[in-house]
Amino acid sequence: MGTLIATGAVDKTLRVWNPEKPNVKFSTELKGHAAPIEKVAFNPVKDAELCSVSSDGAVKIWDVRTKACVNEVKVSGHATSLAWAPDGSSLLVGSKVSIVQDSEKHKSTG
């Protein structure tokens, strides 16, 4: 399994590819994200475990053998990045939270 490639796209498509069979009909589609997929990464010690993060704040762990989402966590904001610990025991997920300022509160009253 260590030779697979995963891709995520703005159309919410998460695919796992065998580089020796690049035709889309040989890829595996994993369905479940409700917004564009920002990042994907395989667990460095478990070849069949894949993580994906989406702009809807969903962090999903997939078993690519069964095509099933085995865990999901919601983060606040727009999930934009992820990294596995080298031993595969944990994930770090980064998100962007928009801050809107009320311009009336910041006007000078002088």
C-alpha atoms as a PDB file:
ATOM      1  CA  MET A   1       0.000   0.000   0.000  1.00  0.00           C
ATOM      2  CA  GLY A   2       2.960   2.357   0.443  1.00  0.00           C
ATOM      3  CA  THR A   3       2.896   3.336  -3.230  1.00  0.00           C
ATOM      4  CA  LEU A   4      -0.519   5.014  -3.276  1.00  0.00           C
ATOM      5  CA  ILE A   5      -1.175   8.723  -3.853  1.00  0.00           C
ATOM      6  CA  ALA A   6      -4.093  10.702  -2.387  1.00  0.00           C
ATOM      7  CA  THR A   7      -5.601  13.885  -3.821  1.00  0.00           C
ATOM      8  CA  GLY A   8      -8.285  16.267  -2.622  1.00  0.00           C
ATOM      9  CA  ALA A   9     -10.062  18.900  -4.677  1.00  0.00           C
ATOM     10  CA  VAL A  10     -12.345  21.926  -4.541  1.00  0.00           C
ATOM     11  CA  ASP A  11     -15.191  19.779  -5.886  1.00  0.00           C
ATOM     12  CA  LYS A  12     -15.085  17.809  -2.555  1.00  0.00           C
ATOM     13  CA  THR A  13     -13.559  14.783  -4.283  1.00  0.00           C
ATOM     14  CA  LEU A  14     -11.036  12.742  -2.320  1.00  0.00           C
ATOM     15  CA  ARG A  15      -9.301  10.079  -4.414  1.00  0.00           C
ATOM     16  CA  VAL A  16      -6.671   7.435  -3.831  1.00  0.00           C
ATOM     17  CA  TRP A  17      -4.596   6.542  -6.874  1.00  0.00           C
ATOM     18  CA  ASN A  18      -2.220   3.783  -7.889  1.00  0.00           C
ATOM     19  CA  PRO A  19       0.446   5.604  -9.933  1.00  0.00           C
ATOM     20  CA  GLU A  20       0.868   2.527 -12.135  1.00  0.00           C
ATOM     21  CA  LYS A  21      -2.811   2.827 -13.187  1.00  0.00           C
ATOM     22  CA  PRO A  22      -3.419   6.584 -13.637  1.00  0.00           C
ATOM     23  CA  ASN A  23      -6.831   6.262 -15.323  1.00  0.00           C
ATOM     24  CA  VAL A  24      -9.584   7.621 -13.061  1.00  0.00           C
ATOM     25  CA  LYS A  25     -11.562   4.372 -13.362  1.00  0.00           C
ATOM     26  CA  PHE A  26      -8.817   2.659 -11.337  1.00  0.00           C
ATOM     27  CA  SER A  27      -8.872   5.269  -8.552  1.00  0.00           C
ATOM     28  CA  THR A  28     -10.877   4.996  -5.345  1.00  0.00           C
ATOM     29  CA  GLU A  29     -13.220   7.843  -4.417  1.00  0.00           C
ATOM     30  CA  LEU A  30     -13.826   8.506  -0.717  1.00  0.00           C
ATOM     31  CA  LYS A  31     -17.028  10.451  -0.152  1.00  0.00           C
ATOM     32  CA  GLY A  32     -18.050  12.499   2.836  1.00  0.00           C
ATOM     33  CA  HIS A  33     -16.716  16.061   2.768  1.00  0.00           C
ATOM     34  CA  ALA A  34     -19.249  18.876   2.424  1.00  0.00           C
ATOM     35  CA  ALA A  35     -16.754  21.519   1.245  1.00  0.00           C
ATOM     36  CA  PRO A  36     -13.471  21.747  -0.691  1.00  0.00           C
ATOM     37  CA  ILE A  37     -10.659  19.513   0.577  1.00  0.00           C
ATOM     38  CA  GLU A  38      -7.601  21.511   1.585  1.00  0.00           C
ATOM     39  CA  LYS A  39      -4.978  18.887   2.556  1.00  0.00           C
ATOM     40  CA  VAL A  40      -4.526  15.114   2.618  1.00  0.00           C
ATOM     41  CA  ALA A  41      -1.798  12.963   4.174  1.00  0.00           C
ATOM     42  CA  PHE A  42      -1.197   9.283   4.800  1.00  0.00           C
ATOM     43  CA  ASN A  43      -0.250   8.128   8.277  1.00  0.00           C
ATOM     44  CA  PRO A  44       3.543   7.608   8.148  1.00  0.00           C
ATOM     45  CA  VAL A  45       3.344   4.212   9.874  1.00  0.00           C
ATOM     46  CA  LYS A  46      -0.075   2.900   8.757  1.00  0.00           C
ATOM     47  CA  ASP A  47      -0.224   2.794   4.960  1.00  0.00           C
ATOM     48  CA  ALA A  48      -4.004   2.319   4.843  1.00  0.00           C
ATOM     49  CA  GLU A  49      -4.799   5.295   7.103  1.00  0.00           C
ATOM     50  CA  LEU A  50      -5.413   8.632   5.392  1.00  0.00           C
ATOM     51  CA  CYS A  51      -6.371  11.995   6.866  1.00  0.00           C
ATOM     52  CA  SER A  52      -8.154  14.792   5.014  1.00  0.00           C
ATOM     53  CA  VAL A  53      -9.140  18.293   6.106  1.00  0.00           C
ATOM     54  CA  SER A  54     -11.790  20.467   4.532  1.00  0.00           C
ATOM     55  CA  SER A  55     -12.707  24.136   4.491  1.00  0.00           C
ATOM     56  CA  ASP A  56     -15.907  23.225   6.389  1.00  0.00           C
ATOM     57  CA  GLY A  57     -13.739  22.397   9.431  1.00  0.00           C
ATOM     58  CA  ALA A  58     -14.044  18.610   9.070  1.00  0.00           C
ATOM     59  CA  VAL A  59     -11.008  16.464   9.822  1.00  0.00           C
ATOM     60  CA  LYS A  60     -11.579  12.900   8.640  1.00  0.00           C
ATOM     61  CA  ILE A  61      -9.547   9.739   9.120  1.00  0.00           C
ATOM     62  CA  TRP A  62     -10.121   7.114   6.417  1.00  0.00           C
ATOM     63  CA  ASP A  63      -9.342   3.426   6.060  1.00  0.00           C
ATOM     64  CA  VAL A  64      -8.526   3.256   2.355  1.00  0.00           C
ATOM     65  CA  ARG A  65      -8.942  -0.549   2.294  1.00  0.00           C
ATOM     66  CA  THR A  66     -12.603  -0.361   3.330  1.00  0.00           C
ATOM     67  CA  LYS A  67     -13.253   3.163   1.903  1.00  0.00           C
ATOM     68  CA  ALA A  68     -14.760   4.107   5.267  1.00  0.00           C
ATOM     69  CA  CYS A  69     -14.377   7.208   7.386  1.00  0.00           C
ATOM     70  CA  VAL A  70     -13.288   5.753  10.736  1.00  0.00           C
ATOM     71  CA  ASN A  71     -13.106   9.011  12.696  1.00  0.00           C
ATOM     72  CA  GLU A  72     -14.183  12.621  12.275  1.00  0.00           C
ATOM     73  CA  VAL A  73     -13.469  15.759  14.289  1.00  0.00           C
ATOM     74  CA  LYS A  74     -14.756  19.285  13.665  1.00  0.00           C
ATOM     75  CA  VAL A  75     -12.402  22.199  14.244  1.00  0.00           C
ATOM     76  CA  SER A  76     -13.417  25.823  14.484  1.00  0.00           C
ATOM     77  CA  GLY A  77     -12.850  27.772  11.328  1.00  0.00           C
ATOM     78  CA  HIS A  78     -11.535  26.752   7.941  1.00  0.00           C
ATOM     79  CA  ALA A  79      -9.141  23.764   8.263  1.00  0.00           C
ATOM     80  CA  THR A  80      -6.146  24.535   6.048  1.00  0.00           C
ATOM     81  CA  SER A  81      -3.246  22.288   7.024  1.00  0.00           C
ATOM     82  CA  LEU A  82      -2.316  19.029   8.691  1.00  0.00           C
ATOM     83  CA  ALA A  83       0.747  17.067   9.702  1.00  0.00           C
ATOM     84  CA  TRP A  84       1.171  13.625  11.244  1.00  0.00           C
ATOM     85  CA  ALA A  85       3.642  13.050  14.067  1.00  0.00           C
ATOM     86  CA  PRO A  86       6.546  10.952  12.714  1.00  0.00           C
ATOM     87  CA  ASP A  87       5.362   7.942  14.746  1.00  0.00           C
ATOM     88  CA  GLY A  88       1.791   8.308  13.418  1.00  0.00           C
ATOM     89  CA  SER A  89       0.351   8.634  16.919  1.00  0.00           C
ATOM     90  CA  SER A  90      -1.150  12.109  16.548  1.00  0.00           C
ATOM     91  CA  LEU A  91      -2.123  14.844  14.111  1.00  0.00           C
ATOM     92  CA  LEU A  92      -1.658  18.576  14.093  1.00  0.00           C
ATOM     93  CA  VAL A  93      -4.393  20.491  12.238  1.00  0.00           C
ATOM     94  CA  GLY A  94      -4.253  24.186  11.468  1.00  0.00           C
ATOM     95  CA  SER A  95      -7.305  26.323  10.815  1.00  0.00           C
ATOM     96  CA  LYS A  96      -8.054  29.873   9.801  1.00  0.00           C
ATOM     97  CA  VAL A  97     -10.676  31.746  11.780  1.00  0.00           C
ATOM     98  CA  SER A  98     -12.059  34.951  10.270  1.00  0.00           C
ATOM     99  CA  ILE A  99     -12.220  37.961  12.548  1.00  0.00           C
ATOM    100  CA  VAL A 100     -14.702  40.636  11.579  1.00  0.00           C
ATOM    101  CA  GLN A 101     -14.306  44.034  13.201  1.00  0.00           C
ATOM    102  CA  ASP A 102     -17.170  46.434  13.620  1.00  0.00           C
ATOM    103  CA  SER A 103     -15.886  49.682  12.053  1.00  0.00           C
ATOM    104  CA  GLU A 104     -18.171  51.786  14.264  1.00  0.00           C
ATOM    105  CA  LYS A 105     -16.423  50.575  17.420  1.00  0.00           C
ATOM    106  CA  HIS A 106     -13.030  51.575  16.070  1.00  0.00           C
ATOM    107  CA  LYS A 107     -13.837  55.134  14.956  1.00  0.00           C
ATOM    108  CA  SER A 108     -12.147  57.945  16.775  1.00  0.00           C
ATOM    109  CA  THR A 109     -14.514  60.099  18.856  1.00  0.00           C
ATOM    110  CA  GLY A 110     -12.100  63.009  19.184  1.00  0.00           C
END
